[in-house]
Amino acid sequence: MPDTPPRRTILAVDDHELVRVGLRQVIAQHFGDRFEFADAHSLEQALLHLQHGADRVFLLLLDLNLGDTRGLAGLRLLRQRYPDLPIVVVSGTQDALVRDEALAHGAWAYFSKTGDTNDLSGLLDTIGAAAAGPRVARGAAGTEPGPADALARYRHLKPDVRLTGRQIQVLELILSGLDNQAIAAETGLALGSVKNCVSTVFLTFNVRSRAELIGLFS
């Protein structure tokens, strides 16, 4: 029998053991045995894990304040070394400025550790979106920039843009030309949930139609 390929890994980086245990339990509860879960208590340990297994890690959950790094330094270093790895900040800091700076530095999303159901729901949606993988290429050399690159450019012009991972996925699919029904089929979301995501994207970018939205990224 052929060898079973290793399951993809979610790497959680947090210096509090209870947080790491909680994340493991939540991910196991909602995603069963679909993914491996790995954790690290420091940036150094996370980098060591990535050095030996970055090809299997599809999502990194990062606390901004670790024993060996503070603020955005860890995020910047990880983005520099692993620019294609989606990084989601899960932080005890609820400062809107910190959140916006993290998003501007390439974090996919930003959630707090308060236990708020909206944060938990958004985190689970983001994990699902990351697991599905980007539908559109992300600006590889010699190709047209993908939606994630367009989002980064637009954030530079409009720094208050904040979307969850699921909303970013829906944005990518809109820019790919899919209608709501096709997006529902692609993501597994109910049609009503797709419509809510699309409405949020339109409101975020202050547009009234798909054509107008696509025009912003052309």
Protein backbone atom coordinates (compact mmCIF):
# COMPACT_ATOMS: atom_id res chain seq x y z
CA MET A 1 0.00 0.00 0.00
CA PRO A 2 1.26 3.51 -0.76
CA ASP A 3 2.32 5.63 2.18
CA THR A 4 -0.39 7.91 3.51
CA PRO A 5 0.66 11.54 3.01
CA PRO A 6 1.12 13.46 6.27
CA ARG A 7 -1.83 15.59 7.31
CA ARG A 8 -1.47 19.32 7.07
CA THR A 9 -0.58 21.14 10.26
CA ILE A 10 -1.87 24.14 12.18
CA LEU A 11 0.91 25.66 14.26
CA ALA A 12 -0.10 27.68 17.34
CA VAL A 13 2.54 29.93 18.88
CA ASP A 14 1.70 31.14 22.38
CA ASP A 15 3.66 31.24 25.64
CA HIS A 16 0.61 30.29 27.75
CA GLU A 17 0.05 26.53 27.93
CA LEU A 18 -3.65 26.91 28.73
CA VAL A 19 -4.17 28.89 25.51
CA ARG A 20 -2.38 26.26 23.45
CA VAL A 21 -4.41 23.47 25.07
CA GLY A 22 -7.63 25.43 24.47
CA LEU A 23 -6.82 25.98 20.81
CA ARG A 24 -6.03 22.30 20.39
CA GLN A 25 -9.38 21.32 21.90
CA VAL A 26 -11.41 23.82 19.86
CA ILE A 27 -9.75 22.80 16.60
CA ALA A 28 -10.21 19.09 17.38
CA GLN A 29 -13.87 19.68 18.24
CA HIS A 30 -14.69 21.53 15.03
CA PHE A 31 -12.33 19.90 12.54
CA GLY A 32 -12.05 16.40 13.93
CA ASP A 33 -8.91 14.64 12.76
CA ARG A 34 -8.54 16.60 9.53
CA PHE A 35 -5.38 18.40 10.65
CA GLU A 36 -2.37 17.87 12.82
CA PHE A 37 -2.00 20.41 15.62
CA ALA A 38 1.45 21.57 16.67
CA ASP A 39 2.36 24.23 19.18
CA ALA A 40 5.32 26.32 20.21
CA HIS A 41 5.86 28.42 23.32
CA SER A 42 8.30 30.86 21.74
CA LEU A 43 9.22 32.41 18.41
CA GLU A 44 12.49 30.48 18.43
CA GLN A 45 10.65 27.18 18.83
CA ALA A 46 8.19 28.13 16.07
CA LEU A 47 11.04 28.94 13.69
CA LEU A 48 12.69 25.62 14.49
CA HIS A 49 9.44 23.78 13.72
CA LEU A 50 9.05 25.65 10.42
CA GLN A 51 12.66 24.97 9.50
CA HIS A 52 11.92 21.25 9.54
CA GLY A 53 8.29 21.19 8.43
CA ALA A 54 7.17 24.45 6.80
CA ASP A 55 5.81 22.55 3.79
CA ARG A 56 3.16 20.89 5.99
CA VAL A 57 2.07 23.99 7.94
CA PHE A 58 -0.85 25.69 6.19
CA LEU A 59 -1.76 28.13 8.97
CA LEU A 60 0.08 29.72 11.88
CA LEU A 61 -1.76 31.15 14.89
CA LEU A 62 0.45 33.77 16.53
CA ASP A 63 0.39 35.58 19.86
CA LEU A 64 2.13 38.95 19.56
CA ASN A 65 3.65 38.92 23.05
CA LEU A 66 5.95 35.96 23.58
CA GLY A 67 8.84 35.41 25.93
CA ASP A 68 11.35 36.16 23.20
CA THR A 69 9.50 38.80 21.17
CA ARG A 70 7.04 41.63 21.69
CA GLY A 71 4.67 43.52 19.44
CA LEU A 72 4.88 43.09 15.69
CA ALA A 73 8.52 41.99 15.56
CA GLY A 74 7.63 38.29 15.46
CA LEU A 75 4.99 38.80 12.79
CA ARG A 76 7.40 40.81 10.63
CA LEU A 77 10.11 38.16 10.92
CA LEU A 78 7.75 35.31 10.07
CA ARG A 79 6.32 37.22 7.09
CA GLN A 80 9.85 37.92 5.87
CA ARG A 81 10.96 34.29 6.08
CA TYR A 82 7.68 32.65 5.09
CA PRO A 83 5.79 35.18 2.94
CA ASP A 84 3.28 32.62 1.61
CA LEU A 85 2.31 31.21 5.03
CA PRO A 86 -1.05 32.55 6.29
CA ILE A 87 -0.59 34.00 9.78
CA VAL A 88 -3.54 34.76 12.06
CA VAL A 89 -2.94 36.82 15.18
CA VAL A 90 -4.65 35.52 18.32
CA SER A 91 -3.80 38.09 20.95
CA GLY A 92 -4.79 39.31 24.38
CA THR A 93 -4.37 42.87 23.11
CA GLN A 94 -7.66 44.42 22.00
CA ASP A 95 -6.18 47.76 20.90
CA ALA A 96 -7.66 48.66 17.49
CA LEU A 97 -4.41 50.34 16.44
CA VAL A 98 -2.41 47.18 17.12
CA ARG A 99 -4.97 45.16 15.21
CA ASP A 100 -4.80 47.48 12.20
CA GLU A 101 -1.00 47.47 12.24
CA ALA A 102 -0.96 43.67 12.34
CA LEU A 103 -3.30 43.51 9.35
CA ALA A 104 -1.20 46.10 7.52
CA HIS A 105 1.88 43.91 8.12
CA GLY A 106 0.25 40.95 6.43
CA ALA A 107 -1.74 39.12 9.10
CA TRP A 108 -4.70 37.33 7.54
CA ALA A 109 -6.94 38.21 10.47
CA TYR A 110 -6.80 39.36 14.08
CA PHE A 111 -8.76 37.81 16.95
CA SER A 112 -8.68 38.38 20.69
CA LYS A 113 -8.47 35.82 23.48
CA THR A 114 -11.50 37.21 25.30
CA GLY A 115 -13.62 34.18 24.45
CA ASP A 116 -16.10 36.32 22.53
CA THR A 117 -18.23 34.11 20.29
CA ASN A 118 -17.67 36.41 17.30
CA ASP A 119 -13.91 36.03 17.63
CA LEU A 120 -14.22 32.26 17.97
CA SER A 121 -16.55 32.01 14.98
CA GLY A 122 -14.25 34.23 12.91
CA LEU A 123 -11.23 32.14 13.86
CA LEU A 124 -12.96 28.91 12.84
CA ASP A 125 -14.04 30.48 9.55
CA THR A 126 -10.47 31.60 8.93
CA ILE A 127 -9.13 28.10 9.56
CA GLY A 128 -11.66 26.74 7.09
CA ALA A 129 -10.70 29.34 4.50
CA ALA A 130 -7.00 28.63 4.91
CA ALA A 131 -7.60 24.89 4.64
CA ALA A 132 -9.52 25.40 1.39
CA GLY A 133 -6.50 27.19 -0.05
CA PRO A 134 -6.42 30.29 -2.22
CA ARG A 135 -8.35 29.88 -5.44
CA VAL A 136 -6.37 32.61 -7.17
CA ALA A 137 -2.59 32.82 -7.42
CA ARG A 138 -1.05 35.32 -5.05
CA GLY A 139 1.05 37.38 -7.42
CA ALA A 140 3.77 34.90 -8.25
CA ALA A 141 6.61 36.26 -10.32
CA GLY A 142 5.56 36.83 -13.90
CA THR A 143 1.83 36.63 -13.17
CA GLU A 144 -0.90 39.11 -12.45
CA PRO A 145 -1.26 39.96 -8.74
CA GLY A 146 -3.86 37.86 -6.92
CA PRO A 147 -6.67 39.19 -4.73
CA ALA A 148 -4.59 38.93 -1.56
CA ASP A 149 -2.03 41.28 -3.12
CA ALA A 150 -4.82 43.60 -4.23
CA LEU A 151 -6.20 43.57 -0.70
CA ALA A 152 -2.78 44.48 0.66
CA ARG A 153 -2.50 47.36 -1.82
CA TYR A 154 -5.96 48.62 -0.96
CA ARG A 155 -5.18 48.39 2.77
CA HIS A 156 -2.28 50.73 2.13
CA LEU A 157 -4.72 53.27 0.70
CA LYS A 158 -7.55 52.42 3.10
CA PRO A 159 -5.95 51.19 6.34
CA ASP A 160 -9.27 50.66 8.13
CA VAL A 161 -10.10 47.63 5.96
CA ARG A 162 -10.78 44.62 8.20
CA LEU A 163 -12.03 41.30 6.85
CA THR A 164 -12.16 37.83 8.37
CA GLY A 165 -10.49 34.94 6.62
CA ARG A 166 -13.83 33.75 5.28
CA GLN A 167 -14.66 37.23 3.92
CA ILE A 168 -11.26 37.35 2.23
CA GLN A 169 -12.02 33.99 0.63
CA VAL A 170 -15.36 35.32 -0.63
CA LEU A 171 -13.60 38.44 -1.94
CA GLU A 172 -11.18 36.22 -3.87
CA LEU A 173 -14.06 34.29 -5.41
CA ILE A 174 -15.92 37.48 -6.36
CA LEU A 175 -12.80 38.74 -8.09
CA SER A 176 -12.59 35.38 -9.86
CA GLY A 177 -16.01 36.08 -11.37
CA LEU A 178 -18.14 33.67 -9.34
CA ASP A 179 -21.74 34.50 -8.46
CA ASN A 180 -23.28 33.82 -5.04
CA GLN A 181 -24.52 30.35 -5.95
CA ALA A 182 -21.11 29.32 -7.25
CA ILE A 183 -19.40 30.75 -4.16
CA ALA A 184 -21.74 28.70 -1.96
CA ALA A 185 -20.84 25.55 -3.88
CA GLU A 186 -17.11 26.36 -3.70
CA THR A 187 -17.01 27.14 0.02
CA GLY A 188 -19.75 24.91 1.38
CA LEU A 189 -21.47 27.92 2.92
CA ALA A 190 -25.23 28.37 2.93
CA LEU A 191 -26.41 30.83 0.30
CA GLY A 192 -27.61 33.21 3.02
CA SER A 193 -24.15 33.21 4.62
CA VAL A 194 -22.58 33.96 1.25
CA LYS A 195 -24.94 36.90 0.77
CA ASN A 196 -24.00 38.23 4.21
CA CYS A 197 -20.29 37.97 3.38
CA VAL A 198 -20.78 39.67 0.03
CA SER A 199 -22.75 42.49 1.68
CA THR A 200 -19.98 42.96 4.24
CA VAL A 201 -17.34 43.11 1.49
CA PHE A 202 -19.40 45.68 -0.44
CA LEU A 203 -19.85 47.81 2.69
CA THR A 204 -16.16 47.53 3.57
CA PHE A 205 -15.08 48.84 0.18
CA ASN A 206 -18.04 51.22 -0.18
CA VAL A 207 -19.26 49.75 -3.47
CA ARG A 208 -22.70 48.72 -4.70
CA SER A 209 -21.92 46.11 -7.33
CA ARG A 210 -19.46 43.41 -8.31
CA ALA A 211 -18.34 45.48 -11.28
CA GLU A 212 -17.51 48.41 -9.03
CA LEU A 213 -15.63 46.15 -6.63
CA ILE A 214 -13.62 44.49 -9.40
CA GLY A 215 -12.82 47.95 -10.75
CA LEU A 216 -11.04 48.81 -7.49
CA PHE A 217 -8.65 45.91 -8.01
CA SER A 218 -8.07 46.22 -11.73
